[in-house]
Amino acid sequence: MFVRLYSGALAGVEAVEVEIEVNEGGGDPKMLIVGLPDTAVKESRDRVWTAVGNSGFRRPKGRVTINLAPADIRKQGPSFDLAIALGLVALQEDFKCGVLEKTAVFGELALNGHVREVKGMLSLAEAARDAGRKAIIVPDGNVIEACLISGIHVYGVSNLRQAAELLQGSSGRSPERIDRKKYFRDSQSYEIDFSEVRGQAHVKRAIEVAVSGNHNMLMLGPPGTGKSMLAKRIVTIMPQMSEEEAIATTKVHSVAGLLKNNGQILASRPFRSPHHTVSNAGLLGGSNHPRPGEVSLAHHGILFLDELPEFRRSTLEVMRQPLEDGRVTISRAAATTTFPADFMLVAAMNPCPCGYLTDPKRDCRCSPNQVSNYRQRISGPLLDRIDLHVDVPAIDFKELSSERTEEESSVLRERIERARQVQASRFMHESRIVTNASMASGLVRKHCRLDDEGSGLLEQAMSELNLSARAHGRILKVARTLADLDGGGNIKTDHVLEAIQYRTLDREVWV
């Protein structure tokens, strides 16, 4: 006897449909799985065989061959357990004609028949819908995540018997439903706010500029000046994620197995802050079976690198591709996998090894050579991709104890969203260009024209401040963003002056 079911396999953050063919023949009772399964899939033989018996179903009496097609795609993880078990049950039970052809099944089985949730359900559900399946059976813990995909019926189950009853048509259950828009809206919240930060008005201004144009930025200052505190609150002033962005970000976290609270959608922008001891694979993604790294987990959010010079130089260099392309490609002998990595880089560092070079109250113990070597740990190509360099000085007692009301994140976000709308109109006919930071040299020449006064001022700054050639384009992009914050008109002299202030680390000592 032969039956066919459908499931899915992950390939990066996307998924492909997998046909599960179950055939019972003669001979001693035995189950064989073919179709390029990994160790977890091979081990499902014992889990499935035991779960079928413990759920009260008859087990096949002869040799069972299970083929996972297409055979040239590696099948990983335990998500095929439930589909394989239902295939064994279907060999012995009466299932409604055509139901198996319309349904995709996902879930890991416990030995008692309980169904456990699996990773990557968002991508698996999307693949099932795109393949033409009308319904999916998923673990109860994955229901909300699966319901985020429109156009397909979702049924949650807690055990194997419930899944079998669904396919037999005897459960009488209706598909699970959620109000996607309400769920998305209710999930957009932050526990922190920019109003909690005292003082540092010029740093807040620089952050507002950086977020408005999606510019990468570096904060430079002694320990304890609030660099990390400011960085953590940047996500609260970024434009709220669209539903499309939220689903794309949730996919990455789902594949990595990081979703909590019953598969809750990530409607708030992610903030990732890896330690400086992170490996290349941890930052970029990798291992034998590639999984997302920190640059992908920060997709549509913030990647914060604290103590930037303490990171291994080779580790920092691997970020050059995702910073440029918005995605990262990992090549292994078995396959090449691409993960999304469209993030805003925010970095922080001390001005010197001891940290007190710019502190007016503490003496620096570092020699000029030590300071130079410390800063040289950051390569020119990486620094080239950071548009704003901001000094973060120590805060005095009066500012800390001030009763002055600071601007809330919502106020800053409104101004930033207006500036983003100006950019969206400007680049509406450009491919993959949505913010000023993404402009190539041709677009810079087109949209960042200066008047004679502004051009002369920039020429003087390049000469007197020994700014590098790469600083020229960065200054123009930031000046364009400053003009957009003021309504999107022409770039004025004040915009150029402020943009020049953000390039202090581009002097010859850094080249």
Protein backbone atom coordinates (compact mmCIF):
# COMPACT_ATOMS: atom_id res chain seq x y z
CA MET A 1 0.00 0.00 0.00
CA PHE A 2 1.19 3.53 -0.81
CA VAL A 3 0.29 7.00 0.52
CA ARG A 4 1.68 10.48 -0.13
CA LEU A 5 1.78 13.44 2.30
CA TYR A 6 3.39 16.88 2.21
CA SER A 7 5.71 18.70 4.55
CA GLY A 8 8.60 21.14 4.08
CA ALA A 9 12.34 21.67 4.52
CA LEU A 10 14.15 24.89 5.41
CA ALA A 11 16.73 26.37 3.04
CA GLY A 12 18.16 29.43 4.77
CA VAL A 13 15.20 31.57 5.80
CA GLU A 14 13.02 30.20 3.03
CA ALA A 15 11.47 26.73 2.74
CA VAL A 16 10.71 24.23 0.00
CA GLU A 17 7.90 21.68 -0.10
CA VAL A 18 8.82 18.06 0.54
CA GLU A 19 6.76 15.07 -0.61
CA ILE A 20 6.68 12.22 1.89
CA GLU A 21 5.98 8.93 0.16
CA VAL A 22 5.15 6.02 2.47
CA ASN A 23 5.06 2.48 1.08
CA GLU A 24 4.36 -0.78 2.93
CA GLY A 25 5.75 -4.03 1.53
CA GLY A 26 6.42 -7.56 2.68
CA GLY A 27 9.10 -8.82 5.02
CA ASP A 28 9.95 -8.18 8.63
CA PRO A 29 8.56 -4.99 10.26
CA LYS A 30 11.16 -2.33 9.59
CA MET A 31 11.17 1.35 8.63
CA LEU A 32 13.69 2.83 6.19
CA ILE A 33 13.98 6.56 5.43
CA VAL A 34 15.63 7.69 2.20
CA GLY A 35 15.94 11.07 0.45
CA LEU A 36 19.07 12.67 1.97
CA PRO A 37 17.94 12.79 5.63
CA ASP A 38 20.23 14.13 8.35
CA THR A 39 20.77 12.43 11.71
CA ALA A 40 17.70 14.00 13.33
CA VAL A 41 15.48 12.74 10.50
CA LYS A 42 16.97 9.26 10.62
CA GLU A 43 16.37 9.11 14.36
CA SER A 44 12.69 9.86 13.75
CA ARG A 45 12.20 6.18 12.90
CA ASP A 46 12.27 5.19 16.57
CA ARG A 47 10.31 8.26 17.73
CA VAL A 48 7.59 7.77 15.15
CA TRP A 49 7.32 4.00 15.58
CA THR A 50 6.95 4.35 19.36
CA ALA A 51 4.55 7.33 19.16
CA VAL A 52 2.22 5.52 16.74
CA GLY A 53 1.92 2.54 19.10
CA ASN A 54 1.53 4.69 22.23
CA SER A 55 -1.25 6.68 20.54
CA GLY A 56 -3.36 3.54 20.10
CA PHE A 57 -2.84 3.00 16.36
CA ARG A 58 -1.88 -0.22 14.62
CA ARG A 59 1.61 -0.30 13.23
CA PRO A 60 2.45 -1.72 9.79
CA LYS A 61 3.24 -5.42 9.78
CA GLY A 62 5.75 -5.35 6.94
CA ARG A 63 8.72 -3.34 5.69
CA VAL A 64 7.96 0.39 5.34
CA THR A 65 9.97 2.63 3.00
CA ILE A 66 9.68 6.39 3.41
CA ASN A 67 11.01 8.62 0.65
CA LEU A 68 11.54 12.35 1.16
CA ALA A 69 11.47 14.06 -2.23
CA PRO A 70 13.16 15.87 -3.87
CA ALA A 71 16.10 13.66 -2.95
CA ASP A 72 18.81 16.22 -3.75
CA ILE A 73 17.80 18.59 -0.90
CA ARG A 74 19.10 17.77 2.56
CA LYS A 75 16.30 17.26 5.08
CA GLN A 76 17.17 18.58 8.54
CA GLY A 77 15.51 18.57 11.93
CA PRO A 78 12.55 16.76 13.50
CA SER A 79 9.74 18.66 11.72
CA PHE A 80 8.91 15.62 9.52
CA ASP A 81 7.95 13.42 12.50
CA LEU A 82 4.23 14.14 12.47
CA ALA A 83 3.89 13.75 8.70
CA ILE A 84 5.74 10.42 8.72
CA ALA A 85 3.62 9.15 11.61
CA LEU A 86 0.41 10.14 9.82
CA GLY A 87 1.70 8.27 6.79
CA LEU A 88 2.04 5.11 8.88
CA VAL A 89 -1.43 5.64 10.32
CA ALA A 90 -2.88 6.25 6.85
CA LEU A 91 -1.60 2.82 5.76
CA GLN A 92 -3.90 1.22 8.36
CA GLU A 93 -6.80 3.70 8.73
CA ASP A 94 -9.48 5.07 6.41
CA PHE A 95 -8.58 8.65 5.45
CA LYS A 96 -10.86 10.83 3.33
CA CYS A 97 -9.94 10.77 -0.34
CA GLY A 98 -7.94 13.79 -1.42
CA VAL A 99 -7.39 15.21 2.06
CA LEU A 100 -3.71 14.24 2.12
CA GLU A 101 -3.15 15.94 -1.25
CA LYS A 102 -4.50 19.26 0.05
CA THR A 103 -2.75 19.32 3.43
CA ALA A 104 0.81 19.92 4.61
CA VAL A 105 1.90 18.59 8.01
CA PHE A 106 4.64 19.78 10.38
CA GLY A 107 5.64 18.83 13.91
CA GLU A 108 8.05 16.95 16.15
CA LEU A 109 6.75 13.93 18.05
CA ALA A 110 7.36 12.86 21.61
CA LEU A 111 7.32 9.15 22.43
CA ASN A 112 3.81 9.43 23.89
CA GLY A 113 2.45 11.05 20.70
CA HIS A 114 2.58 14.64 21.95
CA VAL A 115 3.39 17.16 19.19
CA ARG A 116 6.17 19.66 19.88
CA GLU A 117 6.67 22.96 18.05
CA VAL A 118 9.33 23.33 15.36
CA LYS A 119 11.59 26.07 14.00
CA GLY A 120 10.87 28.08 10.87
CA MET A 121 7.09 27.64 10.85
CA LEU A 122 6.52 31.00 9.17
CA SER A 123 8.63 29.95 6.18
CA LEU A 124 7.18 26.43 6.13
CA ALA A 125 3.60 27.73 6.10
CA GLU A 126 4.43 30.17 3.31
CA ALA A 127 6.01 27.40 1.22
CA ALA A 128 2.93 25.18 1.70
CA ARG A 129 0.62 27.97 0.56
CA ASP A 130 2.76 28.77 -2.47
CA ALA A 131 2.77 25.07 -3.41
CA GLY A 132 -1.02 25.07 -3.54
CA ARG A 133 -1.88 23.36 -0.25
CA LYS A 134 -5.22 24.44 1.18
CA ALA A 135 -4.51 23.66 4.84
CA ILE A 136 -1.65 22.91 7.24
CA ILE A 137 -1.54 20.94 10.47
CA VAL A 138 0.92 22.42 12.96
CA PRO A 139 1.77 22.08 16.68
CA ASP A 140 -0.33 24.21 19.02
CA GLY A 141 2.81 26.21 19.86
CA ASN A 142 3.20 27.27 16.23
CA VAL A 143 -0.42 28.29 15.54
CA ILE A 144 -0.04 32.07 15.88
CA GLU A 145 3.11 32.08 13.78
CA ALA A 146 1.44 30.01 11.02
CA CYS A 147 -1.68 32.21 11.07
CA LEU A 148 0.43 35.19 10.03
CA ILE A 149 0.48 33.71 6.52
CA SER A 150 -2.74 34.53 4.72
CA GLY A 151 -4.45 32.31 2.17
CA ILE A 152 -4.20 28.97 3.96
CA HIS A 153 -6.21 27.24 6.73
CA VAL A 154 -4.28 26.49 9.91
CA TYR A 155 -5.15 23.67 12.32
CA GLY A 156 -3.29 23.31 15.61
CA VAL A 157 -2.89 19.92 17.29
CA SER A 158 -1.38 18.79 20.57
CA ASN A 159 -0.99 15.07 19.78
CA LEU A 160 -0.90 12.54 16.98
CA ARG A 161 -4.47 11.32 17.52
CA GLN A 162 -5.87 14.83 17.06
CA ALA A 163 -3.97 15.15 13.77
CA ALA A 164 -5.30 11.80 12.55
CA GLU A 165 -8.88 12.77 13.44
CA LEU A 166 -8.49 15.97 11.43
CA LEU A 167 -7.40 14.07 8.34
CA GLN A 168 -10.18 11.51 8.84
CA GLY A 169 -12.72 14.34 9.01
CA SER A 170 -14.07 13.27 12.40
CA SER A 171 -12.87 16.18 14.54
CA GLY A 172 -15.38 18.80 13.38
CA ARG A 173 -12.88 21.58 14.11
CA SER A 174 -12.72 24.93 12.36
CA PRO A 175 -9.46 26.58 11.24
CA GLU A 176 -7.59 28.75 13.73
CA ARG A 177 -7.91 32.48 13.17
CA ILE A 178 -6.28 35.63 14.50
CA ASP A 179 -6.85 39.30 13.78
CA ARG A 180 -3.52 39.89 12.04
CA LYS A 181 -3.71 43.67 12.01
CA LYS A 182 -4.72 43.91 15.67
CA TYR A 183 -2.13 41.34 16.70
CA PHE A 184 0.54 43.23 14.76
CA ARG A 185 -0.51 46.58 16.26
CA ASP A 186 -0.61 45.25 19.84
CA SER A 187 2.87 43.76 19.47
CA GLN A 188 4.53 47.11 18.65
CA SER A 189 5.89 48.30 21.97
CA TYR A 190 9.14 49.15 23.73
CA GLU A 191 9.92 49.13 27.43
CA ILE A 192 12.46 51.97 27.14
CA ASP A 193 12.28 55.54 25.84
CA PHE A 194 14.63 58.33 24.80
CA SER A 195 13.13 60.63 27.43
CA GLU A 196 15.01 58.58 30.03
CA VAL A 197 18.36 59.90 28.74
CA ARG A 198 19.49 63.10 30.44
CA GLY A 199 21.57 65.63 28.54
CA GLN A 200 23.68 64.66 25.50
CA ALA A 201 21.55 66.87 23.25
CA HIS A 202 24.09 66.92 20.42
CA VAL A 203 24.42 63.11 20.50
CA LYS A 204 20.63 62.75 20.31
CA ARG A 205 20.67 65.10 17.36
CA ALA A 206 23.30 62.97 15.61
CA ILE A 207 21.26 59.82 16.28
CA GLU A 208 18.18 61.50 14.81
CA VAL A 209 20.16 62.33 11.68
CA ALA A 210 21.59 58.82 11.45
CA VAL A 211 18.20 57.13 11.73
CA SER A 212 16.57 59.59 9.30
CA GLY A 213 18.97 58.63 6.52
CA ASN A 214 19.72 55.09 7.78
CA HIS A 215 23.37 56.06 8.22
CA ASN A 216 25.75 53.87 10.20
CA MET A 217 27.29 55.68 13.15
CA LEU A 218 30.13 55.43 15.67
CA MET A 219 30.02 56.92 19.17
CA LEU A 220 33.35 57.84 20.75
CA GLY A 221 33.70 58.68 24.44
CA PRO A 222 35.03 57.69 27.87
CA PRO A 223 33.43 54.85 29.87
CA GLY A 224 30.17 55.68 31.62
CA THR A 225 29.03 58.49 29.32
CA GLY A 226 25.87 56.68 28.19
CA LYS A 227 26.91 55.23 24.82
CA SER A 228 25.21 51.88 25.43
CA MET A 229 22.15 53.52 26.97
CA LEU A 230 21.71 55.71 23.89
CA ALA A 231 22.30 52.83 21.48
CA LYS A 232 19.62 50.64 23.10
CA ARG A 233 17.03 53.37 22.58
CA ILE A 234 17.70 53.95 18.89
CA VAL A 235 15.18 51.27 17.88
CA THR A 236 12.46 53.24 19.70
CA ILE A 237 12.78 56.17 17.27
CA MET A 238 13.08 54.17 14.07
CA PRO A 239 9.99 54.18 11.81
CA GLN A 240 7.55 51.49 12.92
CA MET A 241 7.93 48.26 11.01
CA SER A 242 5.50 47.52 8.22
CA GLU A 243 3.74 44.17 8.27
CA GLU A 244 6.00 42.98 5.45
CA GLU A 245 9.15 43.96 7.37
CA ALA A 246 7.84 42.30 10.54
CA ILE A 247 7.19 39.01 8.77
CA ALA A 248 10.64 39.09 7.11
CA THR A 249 12.32 39.70 10.48
CA THR A 250 10.22 37.08 12.24
CA LYS A 251 11.24 34.53 9.61
CA VAL A 252 14.89 34.91 10.54
CA HIS A 253 14.25 34.56 14.27
CA SER A 254 11.91 31.63 13.68
CA VAL A 255 14.53 29.74 11.67
CA ALA A 256 17.04 30.43 14.46
CA GLY A 257 14.57 29.09 17.04
CA LEU A 258 14.48 32.37 18.99
CA LEU A 259 10.75 33.11 18.94
CA LYS A 260 9.05 33.08 22.32
CA ASN A 261 5.53 33.55 23.69
CA ASN A 262 3.89 31.01 21.39
CA GLY A 263 5.57 32.23 18.22
CA GLN A 264 4.84 35.93 18.72
CA ILE A 265 5.56 38.12 15.71
CA LEU A 266 8.48 40.54 15.98
CA ALA A 267 6.63 43.77 15.33
CA SER A 268 9.27 45.82 17.18
CA ARG A 269 12.63 46.33 15.55
CA PRO A 270 15.34 43.98 16.85
CA PHE A 271 18.38 45.18 18.78
CA ARG A 272 21.36 42.83 18.72
CA SER A 273 24.51 43.44 20.74
CA PRO A 274 27.02 40.59 20.42
CA HIS A 275 30.03 40.44 22.76
CA HIS A 276 33.40 41.35 21.27
CA THR A 277 34.51 37.70 21.59
CA VAL A 278 31.91 36.61 19.00
CA SER A 279 33.26 34.31 16.28
CA ASN A 280 33.01 34.90 12.55
CA ALA A 281 30.24 32.29 12.32
CA GLY A 282 28.40 33.82 15.27
CA LEU A 283 28.42 37.27 13.68
CA LEU A 284 27.95 36.39 10.03
CA GLY A 285 26.21 33.02 10.34
CA GLY A 286 27.48 29.59 9.46
CA SER A 287 28.38 26.18 10.92
CA ASN A 288 28.07 22.96 8.94
CA HIS A 289 24.38 23.59 8.42
CA PRO A 290 24.26 27.40 8.02
CA ARG A 291 22.05 29.30 10.44
CA PRO A 292 21.55 33.05 10.82
CA GLY A 293 24.23 35.09 12.57
CA GLU A 294 23.92 38.35 14.47
CA VAL A 295 23.94 40.46 11.28
CA SER A 296 20.82 38.59 10.08
CA LEU A 297 19.10 38.57 13.48
CA ALA A 298 19.43 42.38 13.35
CA HIS A 299 17.56 42.49 10.02
CA HIS A 300 15.44 45.69 9.85
CA GLY A 301 16.87 46.72 13.22
CA ILE A 302 20.08 47.70 15.00
CA LEU A 303 23.39 45.84 15.26
CA PHE A 304 25.31 47.41 18.15
CA LEU A 305 29.02 46.68 18.47
CA ASP A 306 30.26 47.97 21.81
CA GLU A 307 34.03 48.33 22.37
CA LEU A 308 34.55 48.16 18.60
CA PRO A 309 38.39 47.94 18.62
CA GLU A 310 38.19 44.88 20.91
CA PHE A 311 36.57 42.80 18.17
CA ARG A 312 38.95 40.68 16.13
CA ARG A 313 39.83 42.51 12.95
CA SER A 314 39.01 39.45 10.82
CA THR A 315 35.57 39.30 12.45
CA LEU A 316 34.85 42.94 11.66
CA GLU A 317 35.97 42.51 8.08
CA VAL A 318 33.28 39.88 7.37
CA MET A 319 30.65 42.60 7.82
CA ARG A 320 31.72 44.44 4.72
CA GLN A 321 29.51 42.40 2.39
CA PRO A 322 26.27 42.67 4.42
CA LEU A 323 26.87 46.39 5.01
CA GLU A 324 27.17 46.88 1.27
CA ASP A 325 24.55 44.43 -0.04
CA GLY A 326 21.99 44.08 2.76
CA ARG A 327 22.40 40.31 2.72
CA VAL A 328 25.02 37.71 3.54
CA THR A 329 25.91 34.64 1.50
CA ILE A 330 27.44 31.60 3.21
CA SER A 331 29.03 28.94 1.03
CA ARG A 332 29.57 25.39 2.20
CA ALA A 333 30.41 22.19 0.34
CA ALA A 334 26.80 21.01 0.56
CA ALA A 335 25.06 24.25 -0.42
CA THR A 336 25.17 28.04 -0.63
CA THR A 337 22.74 29.87 1.66
CA THR A 338 21.74 33.53 1.62
CA PHE A 339 20.34 35.29 4.68
CA PRO A 340 18.91 38.84 4.76
CA ALA A 341 21.02 41.38 6.67
CA ASP A 342 19.61 44.86 6.14
CA PHE A 343 20.52 46.54 9.41
CA MET A 344 21.79 49.85 10.77
CA LEU A 345 25.24 49.55 12.34
CA VAL A 346 25.82 51.45 15.58
CA ALA A 347 29.26 51.12 17.16
CA ALA A 348 30.86 52.54 20.29
CA MET A 349 34.45 52.80 21.45
CA ASN A 350 36.72 54.51 23.94
CA PRO A 351 39.06 57.21 22.61
CA CYS A 352 42.13 55.27 23.80
CA PRO A 353 43.05 51.96 25.52
CA CYS A 354 42.56 53.35 29.04
CA GLY A 355 39.44 55.23 27.95
CA TYR A 356 40.16 58.66 29.41
CA LEU A 357 41.88 60.57 26.60
CA THR A 358 38.99 63.05 26.26
CA ASP A 359 37.83 62.97 29.89
CA PRO A 360 38.42 66.40 31.51
CA LYS A 361 38.47 64.95 35.04
CA ARG A 362 40.78 61.95 34.60
CA ASP A 363 44.28 61.71 33.21
CA CYS A 364 45.01 59.48 30.25
CA ARG A 365 47.87 56.99 30.76
CA CYS A 366 48.32 56.13 27.07
CA SER A 367 51.17 57.22 24.82
CA PRO A 368 50.43 58.66 21.35
CA ASN A 369 51.71 55.42 19.82
CA GLN A 370 49.31 53.34 21.94
CA VAL A 371 46.41 55.57 20.95
CA SER A 372 47.33 55.27 17.28
CA ASN A 373 47.68 51.47 17.45
CA TYR A 374 44.38 51.19 19.29
CA ARG A 375 42.54 53.14 16.63
CA GLN A 376 44.28 51.32 13.80
CA ARG A 377 42.44 48.15 14.84
CA ILE A 378 39.51 49.50 12.82
CA SER A 379 40.30 49.14 9.13
CA GLY A 380 39.79 51.90 6.58
CA PRO A 381 37.26 49.91 4.50
CA LEU A 382 35.07 49.37 7.57
CA LEU A 383 35.38 52.99 8.69
CA ASP A 384 34.45 53.94 5.13
CA ARG A 385 31.01 52.44 5.72
CA ILE A 386 30.33 54.51 8.85
CA ASP A 387 28.83 57.89 8.01
CA LEU A 388 28.73 59.65 11.38
CA HIS A 389 31.40 59.82 14.11
CA VAL A 390 30.03 61.38 17.29
CA ASP A 391 31.87 62.45 20.45
CA VAL A 392 30.02 61.47 23.63
CA PRO A 393 31.44 63.50 26.54
CA ALA A 394 30.97 62.89 30.25
CA ILE A 395 27.77 64.32 31.77
CA ASP A 396 28.04 66.73 34.67
CA PHE A 397 25.89 66.56 37.81
CA LYS A 398 23.63 69.46 36.81
CA GLU A 399 22.48 67.67 33.67
CA LEU A 400 21.93 64.40 35.49
CA SER A 401 19.84 66.04 38.21
CA SER A 402 17.96 68.41 35.91
CA GLU A 403 14.15 68.36 36.01
CA ARG A 404 13.95 69.42 32.37
CA THR A 405 11.57 67.28 30.31
CA GLU A 406 13.39 65.38 27.56
CA GLU A 407 11.82 64.60 24.19
CA GLU A 408 10.04 61.27 24.04
CA SER A 409 10.83 58.67 21.40
CA SER A 410 7.46 59.22 19.70
CA VAL A 411 8.29 62.88 19.04
CA LEU A 412 11.65 62.04 17.50
CA ARG A 413 10.07 59.23 15.47
CA GLU A 414 7.52 61.58 13.92
CA ARG A 415 10.26 63.88 12.61
CA ILE A 416 12.24 60.90 11.32
CA GLU A 417 9.22 59.44 9.53
CA ARG A 418 8.63 62.77 7.77
CA ALA A 419 12.25 62.79 6.57
CA ARG A 420 11.89 59.17 5.42
CA GLN A 421 8.79 60.12 3.42
CA VAL A 422 10.80 62.79 1.60
CA GLN A 423 13.40 60.16 0.70
CA ALA A 424 10.75 57.64 -0.36
CA SER A 425 9.38 60.18 -2.85
CA ARG A 426 12.87 60.99 -4.12
CA PHE A 427 13.82 57.36 -4.76
CA MET A 428 10.44 55.97 -5.80
CA HIS A 429 11.80 55.07 -9.24
CA GLU A 430 15.12 53.68 -7.98
CA SER A 431 15.68 49.97 -7.44
CA ARG A 432 16.56 48.97 -3.83
CA ILE A 433 17.28 52.59 -2.85
CA VAL A 434 14.99 53.90 -0.12
CA THR A 435 17.25 56.08 2.08
CA ASN A 436 20.08 58.54 1.55
CA ALA A 437 22.72 56.20 2.96
CA SER A 438 22.15 53.79 0.05
CA MET A 439 22.88 56.34 -2.68
CA ALA A 440 25.60 55.43 -5.17
CA SER A 441 27.96 58.09 -6.51
CA GLY A 442 25.70 58.89 -9.47
CA LEU A 443 22.73 59.60 -7.21
CA VAL A 444 24.93 61.65 -4.87
CA ARG A 445 25.89 63.93 -7.77
CA LYS A 446 22.22 64.20 -8.78
CA HIS A 447 20.59 64.82 -5.41
CA CYS A 448 23.36 66.40 -3.31
CA ARG A 449 24.25 69.50 -5.28
CA LEU A 450 25.73 72.41 -3.33
CA ASP A 451 25.60 76.12 -4.04
CA ASP A 452 28.83 78.06 -4.43
CA GLU A 453 29.06 78.90 -0.73
CA GLY A 454 28.49 75.32 0.39
CA SER A 455 30.91 73.95 -2.20
CA GLY A 456 33.62 76.39 -1.12
CA LEU A 457 33.06 75.51 2.52
CA LEU A 458 33.41 71.79 1.83
CA GLU A 459 36.58 72.38 -0.21
CA GLN A 460 38.07 74.40 2.65
CA ALA A 461 37.19 71.67 5.19
CA MET A 462 38.74 68.96 3.03
CA SER A 463 41.96 70.94 2.85
CA GLU A 464 42.30 72.36 6.37
CA LEU A 465 40.99 69.34 8.32
CA ASN A 466 42.87 66.81 6.19
CA LEU A 467 39.69 64.90 5.54
CA SER A 468 40.04 61.83 3.35
CA ALA A 469 38.55 61.56 -0.12
CA ARG A 470 36.01 59.01 1.09
CA ALA A 471 34.70 61.60 3.58
CA HIS A 472 33.51 63.79 0.71
CA GLY A 473 30.63 61.52 -0.34
CA ARG A 474 29.69 60.78 3.27
CA ILE A 475 29.43 64.47 4.10
CA LEU A 476 27.18 65.07 1.09
CA LYS A 477 24.87 62.18 2.05
CA VAL A 478 24.54 63.37 5.63
CA ALA A 479 23.98 66.95 4.46
CA ARG A 480 21.19 65.67 2.23
CA THR A 481 19.57 63.98 5.25
CA LEU A 482 19.87 67.18 7.28
CA ALA A 483 18.10 69.05 4.50
CA ASP A 484 15.37 66.37 4.46
CA LEU A 485 14.83 66.86 8.19
CA ASP A 486 14.22 70.51 7.39
CA GLY A 487 11.62 69.68 4.75
CA GLY A 488 13.57 68.31 1.82
CA GLY A 489 14.71 71.50 0.13
CA ASN A 490 18.16 72.41 -1.18
CA ILE A 491 21.26 71.67 0.88
CA LYS A 492 22.28 74.82 2.75
CA THR A 493 25.55 75.96 4.27
CA ASP A 494 24.36 75.05 7.78
CA HIS A 495 23.69 71.49 6.63
CA VAL A 496 27.20 71.19 5.22
CA LEU A 497 28.75 72.61 8.40
CA GLU A 498 26.89 70.15 10.62
CA ALA A 499 27.72 67.22 8.35
CA ILE A 500 31.43 68.10 8.52
CA GLN A 501 31.29 67.89 12.32
CA TYR A 502 30.42 64.21 12.04
CA ARG A 503 33.66 63.26 10.19
CA THR A 504 36.27 63.95 12.88
CA LEU A 505 37.74 60.45 12.66
CA ASP A 506 38.53 60.75 8.98
CA ARG A 507 41.73 62.66 9.56
CA GLU A 508 45.10 61.38 8.45
CA VAL A 509 45.82 59.52 11.71
CA TRP A 510 42.99 57.13 10.76
CA VAL A 511 43.89 56.58 7.12
